[in-house]
Amino acid sequence: QHCILVTIIAMLAIIAYFFDDAISDLFVYQHQLISQGELWRT
């Protein structure tokens, strides 16, 4: 209960780093795209 979510967050960050070129355009915080309704980026 103390470490499971910390481990998951670290793994997600590592996965995002290695697949950055493929997925960052869809998920990164971008002010203009958020204003157009892509709220998941927040």
Full PDB file with SEQRES, HELIX, SHEET, SSBOND, CRYST1, ORIGX, SCALE, CONECT and MASTER records, all heavy atoms in Angstrom:
SEQRES   1 A   42  GLN HIS CYS ILE LEU VAL THR ILE ILE ALA MET LEU ALA          
SEQRES   2 A   42  ILE ILE ALA TYR PHE PHE ASP ASP ALA ILE SER ASP LEU          
SEQRES   3 A   42  PHE VAL TYR GLN HIS GLN LEU ILE SER GLN GLY GLU LEU          
SEQRES   4 A   42  TRP ARG THR                                                  
HELIX    1 AA1 ILE A    4  PHE A   18  1                                  15    
HELIX    2 AA2 ASP A   20  PHE A   27  1                                   8    
HELIX    3 AA3 HIS A   31  SER A   35  1                                   5    
HELIX    4 AA4 LEU A   39  ARG A   41  5                                   3    
CRYST1    1.000    1.000    1.000  90.00  90.00  90.00 P 1           1          
ORIGX1      1.000000  0.000000  0.000000        0.00000                         
ORIGX2      0.000000  1.000000  0.000000        0.00000                         
ORIGX3      0.000000  0.000000  1.000000        0.00000                         
SCALE1      1.000000  0.000000  0.000000        0.00000                         
SCALE2      0.000000  1.000000  0.000000        0.00000                         
SCALE3      0.000000  0.000000  1.000000        0.00000                         
ATOM      1  N   GLN A   1       0.813  -1.216   0.000  1.00  0.00           N  
ATOM      2  CA  GLN A   1       0.000   0.000   0.000  1.00  0.00           C  
ATOM      3  C   GLN A   1       0.845   1.264   0.000  1.00  0.00           C  
ATOM      4  O   GLN A   1       0.393   2.331  -0.407  1.00  0.00           O  
ATOM      5  CB  GLN A   1      -0.926   0.013   1.214  1.00  0.00           C  
ATOM      6  CG  GLN A   1      -0.181   0.101   2.548  1.00  0.00           C  
ATOM      7  CD  GLN A   1      -1.121   0.299   3.716  1.00  0.00           C  
ATOM      8  OE1 GLN A   1      -2.278   0.642   3.534  1.00  0.00           O  
ATOM      9  NE2 GLN A   1      -0.640   0.063   4.915  1.00  0.00           N  
ATOM     10  N   HIS A   2       2.094   1.149   0.475  1.00  0.00           N  
ATOM     11  CA  HIS A   2       2.975   2.312   0.564  1.00  0.00           C  
ATOM     12  C   HIS A   2       3.741   2.578  -0.726  1.00  0.00           C  
ATOM     13  O   HIS A   2       4.138   3.731  -0.979  1.00  0.00           O  
ATOM     14  CB  HIS A   2       3.981   2.127   1.702  1.00  0.00           C  
ATOM     15  CG  HIS A   2       3.346   2.046   3.050  1.00  0.00           C  
ATOM     16  ND1 HIS A   2       3.897   1.318   4.080  1.00  0.00           N  
ATOM     17  CD2 HIS A   2       2.192   2.565   3.532  1.00  0.00           C  
ATOM     18  CE1 HIS A   2       3.109   1.415   5.152  1.00  0.00           C  
ATOM     19  NE2 HIS A   2       2.073   2.167   4.829  1.00  0.00           N  
ATOM     20  N   CYS A   3       3.979   1.562  -1.519  1.00  0.00           N  
ATOM     21  CA  CYS A   3       4.891   1.748  -2.656  1.00  0.00           C  
ATOM     22  C   CYS A   3       4.308   1.398  -4.018  1.00  0.00           C  
ATOM     23  O   CYS A   3       4.920   1.712  -5.040  1.00  0.00           O  
ATOM     24  CB  CYS A   3       6.177   0.949  -2.424  1.00  0.00           C  
ATOM     25  SG  CYS A   3       5.943  -0.844  -2.321  1.00  0.00           S  
ATOM     26  N   ILE A   4       3.123   0.769  -4.075  1.00  0.00           N  
ATOM     27  CA  ILE A   4       2.617   0.301  -5.357  1.00  0.00           C  
ATOM     28  C   ILE A   4       2.380   1.451  -6.335  1.00  0.00           C  
ATOM     29  O   ILE A   4       2.764   1.379  -7.508  1.00  0.00           O  
ATOM     30  CB  ILE A   4       1.325  -0.546  -5.158  1.00  0.00           C  
ATOM     31  CG1 ILE A   4       0.846  -1.105  -6.493  1.00  0.00           C  
ATOM     32  CG2 ILE A   4       0.231   0.258  -4.485  1.00  0.00           C  
ATOM     33  CD1 ILE A   4       1.785  -2.085  -7.125  1.00  0.00           C  
ATOM     34  N   LEU A   5       1.762   2.535  -5.878  1.00  0.00           N  
ATOM     35  CA  LEU A   5       1.469   3.639  -6.789  1.00  0.00           C  
ATOM     36  C   LEU A   5       2.724   4.410  -7.183  1.00  0.00           C  
ATOM     37  O   LEU A   5       2.833   4.900  -8.309  1.00  0.00           O  
ATOM     38  CB  LEU A   5       0.439   4.581  -6.168  1.00  0.00           C  
ATOM     39  CG  LEU A   5      -0.989   4.048  -6.145  1.00  0.00           C  
ATOM     40  CD1 LEU A   5      -1.924   5.057  -5.486  1.00  0.00           C  
ATOM     41  CD2 LEU A   5      -1.483   3.743  -7.552  1.00  0.00           C  
ATOM     42  N   VAL A   6       3.668   4.511  -6.263  1.00  0.00           N  
ATOM     43  CA  VAL A   6       4.942   5.157  -6.594  1.00  0.00           C  
ATOM     44  C   VAL A   6       5.630   4.380  -7.710  1.00  0.00           C  
ATOM     45  O   VAL A   6       6.164   4.966  -8.664  1.00  0.00           O  
ATOM     46  CB  VAL A   6       5.848   5.235  -5.350  1.00  0.00           C  
ATOM     47  CG1 VAL A   6       7.218   5.795  -5.716  1.00  0.00           C  
ATOM     48  CG2 VAL A   6       5.209   6.101  -4.271  1.00  0.00           C  
ATOM     49  N   THR A   7       5.593   3.053  -7.612  1.00  0.00           N  
ATOM     50  CA  THR A   7       6.187   2.202  -8.641  1.00  0.00           C  
ATOM     51  C   THR A   7       5.479   2.374  -9.977  1.00  0.00           C  
ATOM     52  O   THR A   7       6.115   2.490 -11.032  1.00  0.00           O  
ATOM     53  CB  THR A   7       6.128   0.727  -8.213  1.00  0.00           C  
ATOM     54  OG1 THR A   7       6.784   0.566  -6.954  1.00  0.00           O  
ATOM     55  CG2 THR A   7       6.798  -0.164  -9.244  1.00  0.00           C  
ATOM     56  N   ILE A   8       4.159   2.410  -9.954  1.00  0.00           N  
ATOM     57  CA  ILE A   8       3.375   2.566 -11.189  1.00  0.00           C  
ATOM     58  C   ILE A   8       3.662   3.910 -11.849  1.00  0.00           C  
ATOM     59  O   ILE A   8       3.846   3.998 -13.073  1.00  0.00           O  
ATOM     60  CB  ILE A   8       1.871   2.414 -10.887  1.00  0.00           C  
ATOM     61  CG1 ILE A   8       1.557   0.960 -10.517  1.00  0.00           C  
ATOM     62  CG2 ILE A   8       1.031   2.851 -12.092  1.00  0.00           C  
ATOM     63  CD1 ILE A   8       0.140   0.759 -10.030  1.00  0.00           C  
ATOM     64  N   ILE A   9       3.707   4.979 -11.045  1.00  0.00           N  
ATOM     65  CA  ILE A   9       3.984   6.314 -11.587  1.00  0.00           C  
ATOM     66  C   ILE A   9       5.366   6.358 -12.228  1.00  0.00           C  
ATOM     67  O   ILE A   9       5.547   6.903 -13.326  1.00  0.00           O  
ATOM     68  CB  ILE A   9       3.863   7.370 -10.479  1.00  0.00           C  
ATOM     69  CG1 ILE A   9       2.393   7.525 -10.063  1.00  0.00           C  
ATOM     70  CG2 ILE A   9       4.439   8.720 -10.930  1.00  0.00           C  
ATOM     71  CD1 ILE A   9       2.205   8.275  -8.769  1.00  0.00           C  
ATOM     72  N   ALA A  10       6.349   5.775 -11.550  1.00  0.00           N  
ATOM     73  CA  ALA A  10       7.708   5.736 -12.102  1.00  0.00           C  
ATOM     74  C   ALA A  10       7.740   4.960 -13.419  1.00  0.00           C  
ATOM     75  O   ALA A  10       8.374   5.395 -14.394  1.00  0.00           O  
ATOM     76  CB  ALA A  10       8.659   5.111 -11.091  1.00  0.00           C  
ATOM     77  N   MET A  11       7.034   3.840 -13.472  1.00  0.00           N  
ATOM     78  CA  MET A  11       7.003   3.033 -14.695  1.00  0.00           C  
ATOM     79  C   MET A  11       6.323   3.776 -15.838  1.00  0.00           C  
ATOM     80  O   MET A  11       6.785   3.738 -16.980  1.00  0.00           O  
ATOM     81  CB  MET A  11       6.294   1.708 -14.417  1.00  0.00           C  
ATOM     82  CG  MET A  11       7.071   0.765 -13.514  1.00  0.00           C  
ATOM     83  SD  MET A  11       6.156  -0.749 -13.140  1.00  0.00           S  
ATOM     84  CE  MET A  11       5.988  -1.463 -14.779  1.00  0.00           C  
ATOM     85  N   LEU A  12       5.224   4.479 -15.544  1.00  0.00           N  
ATOM     86  CA  LEU A  12       4.529   5.251 -16.574  1.00  0.00           C  
ATOM     87  C   LEU A  12       5.429   6.359 -17.116  1.00  0.00           C  
ATOM     88  O   LEU A  12       5.438   6.630 -18.333  1.00  0.00           O  
ATOM     89  CB  LEU A  12       3.240   5.843 -16.012  1.00  0.00           C  
ATOM     90  CG  LEU A  12       2.100   4.855 -15.750  1.00  0.00           C  
ATOM     91  CD1 LEU A  12       0.936   5.558 -15.056  1.00  0.00           C  
ATOM     92  CD2 LEU A  12       1.632   4.203 -17.049  1.00  0.00           C  
ATOM     93  N   ALA A  13       6.177   7.006 -16.225  1.00  0.00           N  
ATOM     94  CA  ALA A  13       7.088   8.069 -16.664  1.00  0.00           C  
ATOM     95  C   ALA A  13       8.200   7.498 -17.541  1.00  0.00           C  
ATOM     96  O   ALA A  13       8.588   8.110 -18.548  1.00  0.00           O  
ATOM     97  CB  ALA A  13       7.676   8.782 -15.451  1.00  0.00           C  
ATOM     98  N   ILE A  14       8.713   6.335 -17.185  1.00  0.00           N  
ATOM     99  CA  ILE A  14       9.770   5.696 -17.985  1.00  0.00           C  
ATOM    100  C   ILE A  14       9.229   5.276 -19.347  1.00  0.00           C  
ATOM    101  O   ILE A  14       9.871   5.483 -20.383  1.00  0.00           O  
ATOM    102  CB  ILE A  14      10.348   4.486 -17.222  1.00  0.00           C  
ATOM    103  CG1 ILE A  14      11.112   4.972 -15.979  1.00  0.00           C  
ATOM    104  CG2 ILE A  14      11.278   3.672 -18.127  1.00  0.00           C  
ATOM    105  CD1 ILE A  14      11.509   3.865 -15.028  1.00  0.00           C  
ATOM    106  N   ILE A  15       8.032   4.691 -19.362  1.00  0.00           N  
ATOM    107  CA  ILE A  15       7.409   4.300 -20.633  1.00  0.00           C  
ATOM    108  C   ILE A  15       7.176   5.520 -21.517  1.00  0.00           C  
ATOM    109  O   ILE A  15       7.456   5.503 -22.721  1.00  0.00           O  
ATOM    110  CB  ILE A  15       6.080   3.555 -20.368  1.00  0.00           C  
ATOM    111  CG1 ILE A  15       6.352   2.187 -19.729  1.00  0.00           C  
ATOM    112  CG2 ILE A  15       5.286   3.388 -21.668  1.00  0.00           C  
ATOM    113  CD1 ILE A  15       5.105   1.489 -19.217  1.00  0.00           C  
ATOM    114  N   ALA A  16       6.663   6.604 -20.907  1.00  0.00           N  
ATOM    115  CA  ALA A  16       6.428   7.831 -21.666  1.00  0.00           C  
ATOM    116  C   ALA A  16       7.723   8.370 -22.259  1.00  0.00           C  
ATOM    117  O   ALA A  16       7.732   8.894 -23.390  1.00  0.00           O  
ATOM    118  CB  ALA A  16       5.774   8.882 -20.764  1.00  0.00           C  
ATOM    119  N   TYR A  17       8.821   8.237 -21.521  1.00  0.00           N  
ATOM    120  CA  TYR A  17      10.109   8.720 -22.016  1.00  0.00           C  
ATOM    121  C   TYR A  17      10.573   7.922 -23.231  1.00  0.00           C  
ATOM    122  O   TYR A  17      10.995   8.495 -24.246  1.00  0.00           O  
ATOM    123  CB  TYR A  17      11.148   8.646 -20.900  1.00  0.00           C  
ATOM    124  CG  TYR A  17      12.539   9.009 -21.347  1.00  0.00           C  
ATOM    125  CD1 TYR A  17      12.882  10.346 -21.593  1.00  0.00           C  
ATOM    126  CD2 TYR A  17      13.505   8.033 -21.556  1.00  0.00           C  
ATOM    127  CE1 TYR A  17      14.155  10.687 -22.026  1.00  0.00           C  
ATOM    128  CE2 TYR A  17      14.780   8.360 -21.992  1.00  0.00           C  
ATOM    129  CZ  TYR A  17      15.105   9.691 -22.221  1.00  0.00           C  
ATOM    130  OH  TYR A  17      16.358  10.039 -22.655  1.00  0.00           O  
ATOM    131  N   PHE A  18      10.480   6.595 -23.143  1.00  0.00           N  
ATOM    132  CA  PHE A  18      10.985   5.762 -24.232  1.00  0.00           C  
ATOM    133  C   PHE A  18      10.086   5.793 -25.471  1.00  0.00           C  
ATOM    134  O   PHE A  18      10.550   5.546 -26.580  1.00  0.00           O  
ATOM    135  CB  PHE A  18      11.174   4.317 -23.754  1.00  0.00           C  
ATOM    136  CG  PHE A  18      12.429   4.120 -22.947  1.00  0.00           C  
ATOM    137  CD1 PHE A  18      12.370   3.940 -21.582  1.00  0.00           C  
ATOM    138  CD2 PHE A  18      13.679   4.151 -23.556  1.00  0.00           C  
ATOM    139  CE1 PHE A  18      13.523   3.773 -20.836  1.00  0.00           C  
ATOM    140  CE2 PHE A  18      14.840   3.992 -22.817  1.00  0.00           C  
ATOM    141  CZ  PHE A  18      14.767   3.798 -21.453  1.00  0.00           C  
ATOM    142  N   PHE A  19       8.808   6.118 -25.285  1.00  0.00           N  
ATOM    143  CA  PHE A  19       7.896   6.193 -26.421  1.00  0.00           C  
ATOM    144  C   PHE A  19       7.484   7.639 -26.717  1.00  0.00           C  
ATOM    145  O   PHE A  19       6.459   7.875 -27.353  1.00  0.00           O  
ATOM    146  CB  PHE A  19       6.651   5.340 -26.150  1.00  0.00           C  
ATOM    147  CG  PHE A  19       6.928   3.864 -26.139  1.00  0.00           C  
ATOM    148  CD1 PHE A  19       7.223   3.204 -24.958  1.00  0.00           C  
ATOM    149  CD2 PHE A  19       6.911   3.136 -27.328  1.00  0.00           C  
ATOM    150  CE1 PHE A  19       7.482   1.847 -24.948  1.00  0.00           C  
ATOM    151  CE2 PHE A  19       7.166   1.773 -27.326  1.00  0.00           C  
ATOM    152  CZ  PHE A  19       7.465   1.123 -26.142  1.00  0.00           C  
ATOM    153  N   ASP A  20       8.312   8.561 -26.283  1.00  0.00           N  
ATOM    154  CA  ASP A  20       7.989   9.986 -26.391  1.00  0.00           C  
ATOM    155  C   ASP A  20       7.656  10.397 -27.828  1.00  0.00           C  
ATOM    156  O   ASP A  20       6.657  11.074 -28.068  1.00  0.00           O  
ATOM    157  CB  ASP A  20       9.156  10.820 -25.860  1.00  0.00           C  
ATOM    158  CG  ASP A  20       8.844  12.301 -25.840  1.00  0.00           C  
ATOM    159  OD1 ASP A  20       8.325  12.787 -24.825  1.00  0.00           O  
ATOM    160  OD2 ASP A  20       9.113  12.980 -26.856  1.00  0.00           O  
ATOM    161  N   ASP A  21       8.475  10.000 -28.771  1.00  0.00           N  
ATOM    162  CA  ASP A  21       8.281  10.418 -30.161  1.00  0.00           C  
ATOM    163  C   ASP A  21       6.949   9.935 -30.726  1.00  0.00           C  
ATOM    164  O   ASP A  21       6.345  10.598 -31.573  1.00  0.00           O  
ATOM    165  CB  ASP A  21       9.426   9.908 -31.041  1.00  0.00           C  
ATOM    166  CG  ASP A  21      10.743  10.608 -30.737  1.00  0.00           C  
ATOM    167  OD1 ASP A  21      10.696  11.722 -30.166  1.00  0.00           O  
ATOM    168  OD2 ASP A  21      11.801  10.043 -31.058  1.00  0.00           O  
ATOM    169  N   ALA A  22       6.490   8.772 -30.235  1.00  0.00           N  
ATOM    170  CA  ALA A  22       5.285   8.168 -30.790  1.00  0.00           C  
ATOM    171  C   ALA A  22       3.999   8.694 -30.154  1.00  0.00           C  
ATOM    172  O   ALA A  22       2.961   8.750 -30.818  1.00  0.00           O  
ATOM    173  CB  ALA A  22       5.357   6.646 -30.647  1.00  0.00           C  
ATOM    174  N   ILE A  23       4.065   9.095 -28.867  1.00  0.00           N  
ATOM    175  CA  ILE A  23       2.813   9.394 -28.159  1.00  0.00           C  
ATOM    176  C   ILE A  23       2.733  10.792 -27.550  1.00  0.00           C  
ATOM    177  O   ILE A  23       1.653  11.214 -27.128  1.00  0.00           O  
ATOM    178  CB  ILE A  23       2.559   8.353 -27.043  1.00  0.00           C  
ATOM    179  CG1 ILE A  23       3.666   8.419 -25.982  1.00  0.00           C  
ATOM    180  CG2 ILE A  23       2.436   6.958 -27.618  1.00  0.00           C  
ATOM    181  CD1 ILE A  23       3.435   7.479 -24.800  1.00  0.00           C  
ATOM    182  N   SER A  24       3.838  11.510 -27.486  1.00  0.00           N  
ATOM    183  CA  SER A  24       3.827  12.802 -26.779  1.00  0.00           C  
ATOM    184  C   SER A  24       2.870  13.810 -27.421  1.00  0.00           C  
ATOM    185  O   SER A  24       2.232  14.603 -26.723  1.00  0.00           O  
ATOM    186  CB  SER A  24       5.237  13.395 -26.706  1.00  0.00           C  
ATOM    187  OG  SER A  24       5.740  13.669 -27.999  1.00  0.00           O  
ATOM    188  N   ASP A  25       2.751  13.783 -28.749  1.00  0.00           N  
ATOM    189  CA  ASP A  25       1.860  14.740 -29.414  1.00  0.00           C  
ATOM    190  C   ASP A  25       0.410  14.581 -28.976  1.00  0.00           C  
ATOM    191  O   ASP A  25      -0.375  15.537 -29.035  1.00  0.00           O  
ATOM    192  CB  ASP A  25       1.945  14.567 -30.933  1.00  0.00           C  
ATOM    193  CG  ASP A  25       3.244  15.114 -31.505  1.00  0.00           C  
ATOM    194  OD1 ASP A  25       3.922  15.871 -30.788  1.00  0.00           O  
ATOM    195  OD2 ASP A  25       3.578  14.784 -32.659  1.00  0.00           O  
ATOM    196  N   LEU A  26       0.069  13.395 -28.502  1.00  0.00           N  
ATOM    197  CA  LEU A  26      -1.307  13.133 -28.090  1.00  0.00           C  
ATOM    198  C   LEU A  26      -1.557  13.437 -26.621  1.00  0.00           C  
ATOM    199  O   LEU A  26      -2.681  13.736 -26.233  1.00  0.00           O  
ATOM    200  CB  LEU A  26      -1.660  11.663 -28.368  1.00  0.00           C  
ATOM    201  CG  LEU A  26      -3.085  11.200 -28.045  1.00  0.00           C  
ATOM    202  CD1 LEU A  26      -4.105  11.987 -28.868  1.00  0.00           C  
ATOM    203  CD2 LEU A  26      -3.235   9.709 -28.289  1.00  0.00           C  
ATOM    204  N   PHE A  27      -0.496  13.384 -25.797  1.00  0.00           N  
ATOM    205  CA  PHE A  27      -0.701  13.426 -24.354  1.00  0.00           C  
ATOM    206  C   PHE A  27      -0.066  14.608 -23.618  1.00  0.00           C  
ATOM    207  O   PHE A  27      -0.424  14.890 -22.478  1.00  0.00           O  
ATOM    208  CB  PHE A  27      -0.179  12.127 -23.727  1.00  0.00           C  
ATOM    209  CG  PHE A  27      -0.952  10.903 -24.113  1.00  0.00           C  
ATOM    210  CD1 PHE A  27      -0.386   9.936 -24.922  1.00  0.00           C  
ATOM    211  CD2 PHE A  27      -2.264  10.733 -23.690  1.00  0.00           C  
ATOM    212  CE1 PHE A  27      -1.106   8.807 -25.289  1.00  0.00           C  
ATOM    213  CE2 PHE A  27      -2.991   9.608 -24.037  1.00  0.00           C  
ATOM    214  CZ  PHE A  27      -2.406   8.635 -24.849  1.00  0.00           C  
ATOM    215  N   VAL A  28       0.888  15.298 -24.210  1.00  0.00           N  
ATOM    216  CA  VAL A  28       1.595  16.379 -23.515  1.00  0.00           C  
ATOM    217  C   VAL A  28       0.669  17.567 -23.261  1.00  0.00           C  
ATOM    218  O   VAL A  28      -0.207  17.873 -24.072  1.00  0.00           O  
ATOM    219  CB  VAL A  28       2.826  16.808 -24.337  1.00  0.00           C  
ATOM    220  CG1 VAL A  28       3.358  18.168 -23.877  1.00  0.00           C  
ATOM    221  CG2 VAL A  28       3.928  15.768 -24.218  1.00  0.00           C  
ATOM    222  N   TYR A  29       0.892  18.237 -22.119  1.00  0.00           N  
ATOM    223  CA  TYR A  29       0.154  19.478 -21.814  1.00  0.00           C  
ATOM    224  C   TYR A  29       0.485  20.527 -22.869  1.00  0.00           C  
ATOM    225  O   TYR A  29       1.637  20.946 -23.002  1.00  0.00           O  
ATOM    226  CB  TYR A  29       0.548  19.988 -20.425  1.00  0.00           C  
ATOM    227  CG  TYR A  29      -0.057  21.338 -20.053  1.00  0.00           C  
ATOM    228  CD1 TYR A  29      -1.138  21.425 -19.190  1.00  0.00           C  
ATOM    229  CD2 TYR A  29       0.469  22.527 -20.563  1.00  0.00           C  
ATOM    230  CE1 TYR A  29      -1.691  22.661 -18.840  1.00  0.00           C  
ATOM    231  CE2 TYR A  29      -0.075  23.760 -20.233  1.00  0.00           C  
ATOM    232  CZ  TYR A  29      -1.153  23.817 -19.375  1.00  0.00           C  
ATOM    233  OH  TYR A  29      -1.695  25.038 -19.045  1.00  0.00           O  
ATOM    234  N   GLN A  30      -0.538  20.953 -23.604  1.00  0.00           N  
ATOM    235  CA  GLN A  30      -0.405  22.053 -24.550  1.00  0.00           C  
ATOM    236  C   GLN A  30      -1.616  22.964 -24.384  1.00  0.00           C  
ATOM    237  O   GLN A  30      -2.757  22.530 -24.559  1.00  0.00           O  
ATOM    238  CB  GLN A  30      -0.317  21.537 -25.995  1.00  0.00           C  
ATOM    239  CG  GLN A  30       0.966  20.777 -26.280  1.00  0.00           C  
ATOM    240  CD  GLN A  30       1.144  20.442 -27.749  1.00  0.00           C  
ATOM    241  OE1 GLN A  30       0.674  21.188 -28.613  1.00  0.00           O  
ATOM    242  NE2 GLN A  30       1.810  19.349 -28.034  1.00  0.00           N  
ATOM    243  N   HIS A  31      -1.354  24.204 -24.033  1.00  0.00           N  
ATOM    244  CA  HIS A  31      -2.410  25.141 -23.670  1.00  0.00           C  
ATOM    245  C   HIS A  31      -3.464  25.264 -24.764  1.00  0.00           C  
ATOM    246  O   HIS A  31      -4.678  25.207 -24.487  1.00  0.00           O  
ATOM    247  CB  HIS A  31      -1.791  26.504 -23.379  1.00  0.00           C  
ATOM    248  CG  HIS A  31      -2.771  27.510 -22.847  1.00  0.00           C  
ATOM    249  ND1 HIS A  31      -3.608  28.253 -23.663  1.00  0.00           N  
ATOM    250  CD2 HIS A  31      -3.056  27.889 -21.573  1.00  0.00           C  
ATOM    251  CE1 HIS A  31      -4.354  29.041 -22.922  1.00  0.00           C  
ATOM    252  NE2 HIS A  31      -4.047  28.849 -21.650  1.00  0.00           N  
ATOM    253  N   GLN A  32      -3.037  25.412 -25.997  1.00  0.00           N  
ATOM    254  CA  GLN A  32      -3.984  25.622 -27.085  1.00  0.00           C  
ATOM    255  C   GLN A  32      -4.893  24.412 -27.280  1.00  0.00           C  
ATOM    256  O   GLN A  32      -6.112  24.556 -27.462  1.00  0.00           O  
ATOM    257  CB  GLN A  32      -3.239  25.917 -28.391  1.00  0.00           C  
ATOM    258  CG  GLN A  32      -4.172  26.174 -29.572  1.00  0.00           C  
ATOM    259  CD  GLN A  32      -3.413  26.518 -30.843  1.00  0.00           C  
ATOM    260  OE1 GLN A  32      -2.194  26.660 -30.831  1.00  0.00           O  
ATOM    261  NE2 GLN A  32      -4.131  26.647 -31.943  1.00  0.00           N  
ATOM    262  N   LEU A  33      -4.332  23.204 -27.235  1.00  0.00           N  
ATOM    263  CA  LEU A  33      -5.124  22.005 -27.463  1.00  0.00           C  
ATOM    264  C   LEU A  33      -6.064  21.724 -26.288  1.00  0.00           C  
ATOM    265  O   LEU A  33      -7.174  21.218 -26.480  1.00  0.00           O  
ATOM    266  CB  LEU A  33      -4.201  20.810 -27.712  1.00  0.00           C  
ATOM    267  CG  LEU A  33      -3.380  20.904 -28.997  1.00  0.00           C  
ATOM    268  CD1 LEU A  33      -2.430  19.729 -29.119  1.00  0.00           C  
ATOM    269  CD2 LEU A  33      -4.287  20.980 -30.223  1.00  0.00           C  
ATOM    270  N   ILE A  34      -5.635  22.073 -25.085  1.00  0.00           N  
ATOM    271  CA  ILE A  34      -6.519  21.927 -23.924  1.00  0.00           C  
ATOM    272  C   ILE A  34      -7.712  22.869 -24.066  1.00  0.00           C  
ATOM    273  O   ILE A  34      -8.854  22.503 -23.773  1.00  0.00           O  
ATOM    274  CB  ILE A  34      -5.750  22.197 -22.617  1.00  0.00           C  
ATOM    275  CG1 ILE A  34      -4.736  21.081 -22.370  1.00  0.00           C  
ATOM    276  CG2 ILE A  34      -6.719  22.294 -21.429  1.00  0.00           C  
ATOM    277  CD1 ILE A  34      -3.779  21.366 -21.227  1.00  0.00           C  
ATOM    278  N   SER A  35      -7.448  24.079 -24.539  1.00  0.00           N  
ATOM    279  CA  SER A  35      -8.533  25.052 -24.730  1.00  0.00           C  
ATOM    280  C   SER A  35      -9.518  24.585 -25.797  1.00  0.00           C  
ATOM    281  O   SER A  35     -10.666  25.046 -25.834  1.00  0.00           O  
ATOM    282  CB  SER A  35      -7.958  26.420 -25.113  1.00  0.00           C  
ATOM    283  OG  SER A  35      -7.351  26.383 -26.393  1.00  0.00           O  
ATOM    284  N   GLN A  36      -9.089  23.655 -26.643  1.00  0.00           N  
ATOM    285  CA  GLN A  36      -9.955  23.111 -27.679  1.00  0.00           C  
ATOM    286  C   GLN A  36     -10.682  21.846 -27.219  1.00  0.00           C  
ATOM    287  O   GLN A  36     -11.377  21.217 -28.008  1.00  0.00           O  
ATOM    288  CB  GLN A  36      -9.137  22.819 -28.941  1.00  0.00           C  
ATOM    289  CG  GLN A  36      -8.568  24.078 -29.591  1.00  0.00           C  
ATOM    290  CD  GLN A  36      -7.611  23.777 -30.729  1.00  0.00           C  
ATOM    291  OE1 GLN A  36      -7.399  22.614 -31.090  1.00  0.00           O  
ATOM    292  NE2 GLN A  36      -7.024  24.813 -31.301  1.00  0.00           N  
ATOM    293  N   GLY A  37     -10.500  21.484 -25.946  1.00  0.00           N  
ATOM    294  CA  GLY A  37     -11.255  20.369 -25.386  1.00  0.00           C  
ATOM    295  C   GLY A  37     -10.471  19.120 -25.068  1.00  0.00           C  
ATOM    296  O   GLY A  37     -11.045  18.153 -24.557  1.00  0.00           O  
ATOM    297  N   GLU A  38      -9.171  19.095 -25.322  1.00  0.00           N  
ATOM    298  CA  GLU A  38      -8.370  17.898 -25.036  1.00  0.00           C  
ATOM    299  C   GLU A  38      -7.924  17.919 -23.573  1.00  0.00           C  
ATOM    300  O   GLU A  38      -6.747  18.062 -23.246  1.00  0.00           O  
ATOM    301  CB  GLU A  38      -7.186  17.817 -26.002  1.00  0.00           C  
ATOM    302  CG  GLU A  38      -7.624  17.688 -27.454  1.00  0.00           C  
ATOM    303  CD  GLU A  38      -6.484  17.478 -28.427  1.00  0.00           C  
ATOM    304  OE1 GLU A  38      -5.333  17.253 -27.988  1.00  0.00           O  
ATOM    305  OE2 GLU A  38      -6.731  17.538 -29.649  1.00  0.00           O  
ATOM    306  N   LEU A  39      -8.894  17.740 -22.691  1.00  0.00           N  
ATOM    307  CA  LEU A  39      -8.680  17.942 -21.259  1.00  0.00           C  
ATOM    308  C   LEU A  39      -7.797  16.875 -20.622  1.00  0.00           C  
ATOM    309  O   LEU A  39      -7.225  17.110 -19.553  1.00  0.00           O  
ATOM    310  CB  LEU A  39     -10.035  17.992 -20.540  1.00  0.00           C  
ATOM    311  CG  LEU A  39     -10.984  19.104 -20.982  1.00  0.00           C  
ATOM    312  CD1 LEU A  39     -12.279  19.042 -20.179  1.00  0.00           C  
ATOM    313  CD2 LEU A  39     -10.331  20.478 -20.836  1.00  0.00           C  
ATOM    314  N   TRP A  40      -7.689  15.699 -21.231  1.00  0.00           N  
ATOM    315  CA  TRP A  40      -6.860  14.645 -20.647  1.00  0.00           C  
ATOM    316  C   TRP A  40      -5.398  15.080 -20.525  1.00  0.00           C  
ATOM    317  O   TRP A  40      -4.668  14.568 -19.677  1.00  0.00           O  
ATOM    318  CB  TRP A  40      -6.953  13.370 -21.486  1.00  0.00           C  
ATOM    319  CG  TRP A  40      -6.427  13.493 -22.878  1.00  0.00           C  
ATOM    320  CD1 TRP A  40      -5.130  13.329 -23.282  1.00  0.00           C  
ATOM    321  CD2 TRP A  40      -7.171  13.827 -24.052  1.00  0.00           C  
ATOM    322  NE1 TRP A  40      -5.019  13.533 -24.637  1.00  0.00           N  
ATOM    323  CE2 TRP A  40      -6.260  13.837 -25.143  1.00  0.00           C  
ATOM    324  CE3 TRP A  40      -8.517  14.096 -24.298  1.00  0.00           C  
ATOM    325  CZ2 TRP A  40      -6.656  14.120 -26.447  1.00  0.00           C  
ATOM    326  CZ3 TRP A  40      -8.912  14.375 -25.596  1.00  0.00           C  
ATOM    327  CH2 TRP A  40      -7.997  14.381 -26.650  1.00  0.00           C  
ATOM    328  N   ARG A  41      -4.996  16.031 -21.328  1.00  0.00           N  
ATOM    329  CA  ARG A  41      -3.612  16.493 -21.295  1.00  0.00           C  
ATOM    330  C   ARG A  41      -3.258  17.147 -19.957  1.00  0.00           C  
ATOM    331  O   ARG A  41      -2.086  17.206 -19.585  1.00  0.00           O  
ATOM    332  CB  ARG A  41      -3.361  17.496 -22.428  1.00  0.00           C  
ATOM    333  CG  ARG A  41      -3.480  16.900 -23.823  1.00  0.00           C  
ATOM    334  CD  ARG A  41      -3.352  17.979 -24.893  1.00  0.00           C  
ATOM    335  NE  ARG A  41      -3.482  17.439 -26.242  1.00  0.00           N  
ATOM    336  CZ  ARG A  41      -2.453  16.973 -26.957  1.00  0.00           C  
ATOM    337  NH1 ARG A  41      -1.237  16.999 -26.452  1.00  0.00           N  
ATOM    338  NH2 ARG A  41      -2.658  16.514 -28.174  1.00  0.00           N  
ATOM    339  N   THR A  42      -4.268  17.645 -19.242  1.00  0.00           N  
ATOM    340  CA  THR A  42      -4.010  18.269 -17.937  1.00  0.00           C  
ATOM    341  C   THR A  42      -3.496  17.249 -16.933  1.00  0.00           C  
ATOM    342  O   THR A  42      -2.895  17.617 -15.918  1.00  0.00           O  
ATOM    343  CB  THR A  42      -5.282  18.929 -17.382  1.00  0.00           C  
ATOM    344  OG1 THR A  42      -6.300  17.932 -17.218  1.00  0.00           O  
ATOM    345  CG2 THR A  42      -5.788  20.011 -18.324  1.00  0.00           C  
TER     346      THR A  42                                                      
MASTER        0    0    0    4    0    0    0    6  345    1    0    4          
END                                                                             
